[in-house]
Amino acid sequence: MADDVDAIFERLKRLAAEAGLPDVEESTSYGNPALKVGGKSFVAVKNAETIVISISLDDKDHLLEMAPDVYFQTDHYVGWPHLPVRPAVQRAWWSLAFSNRAGSTPSDGSQSVMTKR
């Protein structure tokens, strides 16, 4: 399982770099691998089944309604600006979030969800 967490974290690091996000630092959050800016985590790998992103509460509610198969919430995250994401489907989320344009292909060869039909 540690290998799965490491692989997920490597993918997140690569995607952050490809997106050109400035001042991203590798760190930990509550003992889990995390990416931070200014000392604040914006994404962490909780385990092989859960990635946690930082997000506004309004956006969090919208995503929970829009894609409950991707985003979920436990009692621990209620009222906090963090949202668990299922890694099994996070590939599509990251492809969409970091695509520079419709039809682009991430460097790992996966297809952007914007081009899937």
C-alpha atoms as a PDB file:
ATOM      1  CA  MET A   1       0.000   0.000   0.000  1.00  0.00           C
ATOM      2  CA  ALA A   2       2.928   2.366   0.651  1.00  0.00           C
ATOM      3  CA  ASP A   3       3.894   1.903  -3.001  1.00  0.00           C
ATOM      4  CA  ASP A   4       0.396   3.043  -4.039  1.00  0.00           C
ATOM      5  CA  VAL A   5       0.655   6.155  -1.851  1.00  0.00           C
ATOM      6  CA  ASP A   6       4.105   6.913  -3.257  1.00  0.00           C
ATOM      7  CA  ALA A   7       2.870   6.487  -6.828  1.00  0.00           C
ATOM      8  CA  ILE A   8      -0.114   8.779  -6.209  1.00  0.00           C
ATOM      9  CA  PHE A   9       2.135  11.408  -4.601  1.00  0.00           C
ATOM     10  CA  GLU A  10       4.593  11.252  -7.507  1.00  0.00           C
ATOM     11  CA  ARG A  11       1.724  11.834  -9.932  1.00  0.00           C
ATOM     12  CA  LEU A  12       0.489  14.810  -7.909  1.00  0.00           C
ATOM     13  CA  LYS A  13       3.986  16.313  -7.858  1.00  0.00           C
ATOM     14  CA  ARG A  14       4.331  15.840 -11.609  1.00  0.00           C
ATOM     15  CA  LEU A  15       0.937  17.395 -12.304  1.00  0.00           C
ATOM     16  CA  ALA A  16       1.681  20.390 -10.062  1.00  0.00           C
ATOM     17  CA  ALA A  17       4.993  20.894 -11.890  1.00  0.00           C
ATOM     18  CA  GLU A  18       3.358  20.550 -15.327  1.00  0.00           C
ATOM     19  CA  ALA A  19       0.728  23.099 -14.301  1.00  0.00           C
ATOM     20  CA  GLY A  20       3.516  25.522 -13.440  1.00  0.00           C
ATOM     21  CA  LEU A  21       2.287  26.076  -9.899  1.00  0.00           C
ATOM     22  CA  PRO A  22       4.792  28.411  -8.212  1.00  0.00           C
ATOM     23  CA  ASP A  23       6.521  27.827  -4.873  1.00  0.00           C
ATOM     24  CA  VAL A  24       5.191  24.299  -4.343  1.00  0.00           C
ATOM     25  CA  GLU A  25       7.046  22.425  -1.632  1.00  0.00           C
ATOM     26  CA  GLU A  26       6.983  18.748  -0.744  1.00  0.00           C
ATOM     27  CA  SER A  27       6.069  18.190   2.868  1.00  0.00           C
ATOM     28  CA  THR A  28       3.709  16.251   5.095  1.00  0.00           C
ATOM     29  CA  SER A  29       0.313  16.941   6.597  1.00  0.00           C
ATOM     30  CA  TYR A  30      -0.581  14.920   9.678  1.00  0.00           C
ATOM     31  CA  GLY A  31       2.166  12.486   8.689  1.00  0.00           C
ATOM     32  CA  ASN A  32       0.912  12.075   5.114  1.00  0.00           C
ATOM     33  CA  PRO A  33       2.747  13.181   1.946  1.00  0.00           C
ATOM     34  CA  ALA A  34       1.528  16.645   0.968  1.00  0.00           C
ATOM     35  CA  LEU A  35       2.177  19.529  -1.383  1.00  0.00           C
ATOM     36  CA  LYS A  36       2.170  22.974   0.196  1.00  0.00           C
ATOM     37  CA  VAL A  37       2.484  26.620  -0.770  1.00  0.00           C
ATOM     38  CA  GLY A  38       3.543  29.071   1.905  1.00  0.00           C
ATOM     39  CA  GLY A  39       3.503  26.280   4.462  1.00  0.00           C
ATOM     40  CA  LYS A  40      -0.156  25.428   3.802  1.00  0.00           C
ATOM     41  CA  SER A  41      -1.219  22.124   2.308  1.00  0.00           C
ATOM     42  CA  PHE A  42      -3.298  22.195  -0.856  1.00  0.00           C
ATOM     43  CA  VAL A  43      -3.254  18.449  -1.497  1.00  0.00           C
ATOM     44  CA  ALA A  44      -2.278  15.420   0.600  1.00  0.00           C
ATOM     45  CA  VAL A  45      -2.368  11.676   0.090  1.00  0.00           C
ATOM     46  CA  LYS A  46      -4.150  10.255   3.126  1.00  0.00           C
ATOM     47  CA  ASN A  47      -3.906   6.647   1.924  1.00  0.00           C
ATOM     48  CA  ALA A  48      -4.223   4.621  -1.279  1.00  0.00           C
ATOM     49  CA  GLU A  49      -7.981   5.265  -1.294  1.00  0.00           C
ATOM     50  CA  THR A  50      -8.065   8.964  -0.350  1.00  0.00           C
ATOM     51  CA  ILE A  51      -6.500  12.204  -1.537  1.00  0.00           C
ATOM     52  CA  VAL A  52      -7.491  15.340   0.378  1.00  0.00           C
ATOM     53  CA  ILE A  53      -7.625  18.717  -1.385  1.00  0.00           C
ATOM     54  CA  SER A  54      -7.985  22.166   0.153  1.00  0.00           C
ATOM     55  CA  ILE A  55     -10.970  24.020  -1.249  1.00  0.00           C
ATOM     56  CA  SER A  56     -13.408  26.769  -0.274  1.00  0.00           C
ATOM     57  CA  LEU A  57     -16.535  25.621   1.527  1.00  0.00           C
ATOM     58  CA  ASP A  58     -18.763  26.918  -1.296  1.00  0.00           C
ATOM     59  CA  ASP A  59     -16.768  25.035  -3.926  1.00  0.00           C
ATOM     60  CA  LYS A  60     -16.695  21.976  -1.680  1.00  0.00           C
ATOM     61  CA  ASP A  61     -20.492  21.864  -1.458  1.00  0.00           C
ATOM     62  CA  HIS A  62     -20.785  22.321  -5.214  1.00  0.00           C
ATOM     63  CA  LEU A  63     -18.364  19.467  -5.974  1.00  0.00           C
ATOM     64  CA  LEU A  64     -20.061  17.147  -3.486  1.00  0.00           C
ATOM     65  CA  GLU A  65     -23.362  17.730  -5.289  1.00  0.00           C
ATOM     66  CA  MET A  66     -21.866  17.625  -8.770  1.00  0.00           C
ATOM     67  CA  ALA A  67     -19.737  14.465  -8.499  1.00  0.00           C
ATOM     68  CA  PRO A  68     -20.416  12.325  -5.415  1.00  0.00           C
ATOM     69  CA  ASP A  69     -18.658   9.406  -7.106  1.00  0.00           C
ATOM     70  CA  VAL A  70     -15.420  11.431  -7.076  1.00  0.00           C
ATOM     71  CA  TYR A  71     -15.731  13.622  -3.969  1.00  0.00           C
ATOM     72  CA  PHE A  72     -17.006  12.533  -0.578  1.00  0.00           C
ATOM     73  CA  GLN A  73     -17.068  13.743   2.986  1.00  0.00           C
ATOM     74  CA  THR A  74     -16.730  12.134   6.382  1.00  0.00           C
ATOM     75  CA  ASP A  75     -17.685  13.691   9.717  1.00  0.00           C
ATOM     76  CA  HIS A  76     -14.037  14.667  10.187  1.00  0.00           C
ATOM     77  CA  TYR A  77     -14.166  17.108   7.240  1.00  0.00           C
ATOM     78  CA  VAL A  78     -17.585  18.695   7.857  1.00  0.00           C
ATOM     79  CA  GLY A  79     -17.182  22.458   8.198  1.00  0.00           C
ATOM     80  CA  TRP A  80     -13.531  22.429   7.145  1.00  0.00           C
ATOM     81  CA  PRO A  81     -12.142  23.614   3.783  1.00  0.00           C
ATOM     82  CA  HIS A  82     -10.822  20.184   2.831  1.00  0.00           C
ATOM     83  CA  LEU A  83     -12.371  17.583   0.575  1.00  0.00           C
ATOM     84  CA  PRO A  84     -11.518  13.891   0.165  1.00  0.00           C
ATOM     85  CA  VAL A  85     -11.163  12.618  -3.398  1.00  0.00           C
ATOM     86  CA  ARG A  86     -11.210   8.992  -4.501  1.00  0.00           C
ATOM     87  CA  PRO A  87      -7.895   8.248  -6.295  1.00  0.00           C
ATOM     88  CA  ALA A  88      -9.560   5.640  -8.491  1.00  0.00           C
ATOM     89  CA  VAL A  89     -11.337   8.496 -10.228  1.00  0.00           C
ATOM     90  CA  GLN A  90      -8.948  11.356  -9.396  1.00  0.00           C
ATOM     91  CA  ARG A  91      -7.064  10.749 -12.656  1.00  0.00           C
ATOM     92  CA  ALA A  92      -9.970  12.251 -14.581  1.00  0.00           C
ATOM     93  CA  TRP A  93     -10.240  15.138 -12.111  1.00  0.00           C
ATOM     94  CA  TRP A  94      -6.555  16.029 -12.397  1.00  0.00           C
ATOM     95  CA  SER A  95      -6.659  15.735 -16.165  1.00  0.00           C
ATOM     96  CA  LEU A  96      -9.559  18.162 -16.256  1.00  0.00           C
ATOM     97  CA  ALA A  97      -8.103  20.524 -13.652  1.00  0.00           C
ATOM     98  CA  PHE A  98      -4.703  20.797 -15.283  1.00  0.00           C
ATOM     99  CA  SER A  99      -5.560  20.583 -18.970  1.00  0.00           C
ATOM    100  CA  ASN A 100      -4.395  23.724 -20.697  1.00  0.00           C
ATOM    101  CA  ARG A 101      -6.954  23.284 -23.418  1.00  0.00           C
ATOM    102  CA  ALA A 102      -9.547  20.801 -24.632  1.00  0.00           C
ATOM    103  CA  GLY A 103      -7.919  17.879 -26.352  1.00  0.00           C
ATOM    104  CA  SER A 104      -4.600  18.140 -24.527  1.00  0.00           C
ATOM    105  CA  THR A 105      -2.978  14.956 -23.348  1.00  0.00           C
ATOM    106  CA  PRO A 106      -1.181  14.776 -19.984  1.00  0.00           C
ATOM    107  CA  SER A 107       2.419  13.579 -20.136  1.00  0.00           C
ATOM    108  CA  ASP A 108       1.477  10.180 -18.710  1.00  0.00           C
ATOM    109  CA  GLY A 109      -0.556   9.464 -21.844  1.00  0.00           C
ATOM    110  CA  SER A 110      -3.965   9.531 -20.186  1.00  0.00           C
ATOM    111  CA  GLN A 111      -6.688  11.306 -22.098  1.00  0.00           C
ATOM    112  CA  SER A 112      -8.295  14.454 -20.748  1.00  0.00           C
ATOM    113  CA  VAL A 113     -11.889  13.980 -19.657  1.00  0.00           C
ATOM    114  CA  MET A 114     -12.691  16.933 -21.868  1.00  0.00           C
ATOM    115  CA  THR A 115     -11.998  14.806 -24.944  1.00  0.00           C
ATOM    116  CA  LYS A 116     -13.720  11.595 -23.841  1.00  0.00           C
ATOM    117  CA  ARG A 117     -17.104  10.816 -25.294  1.00  0.00           C
END
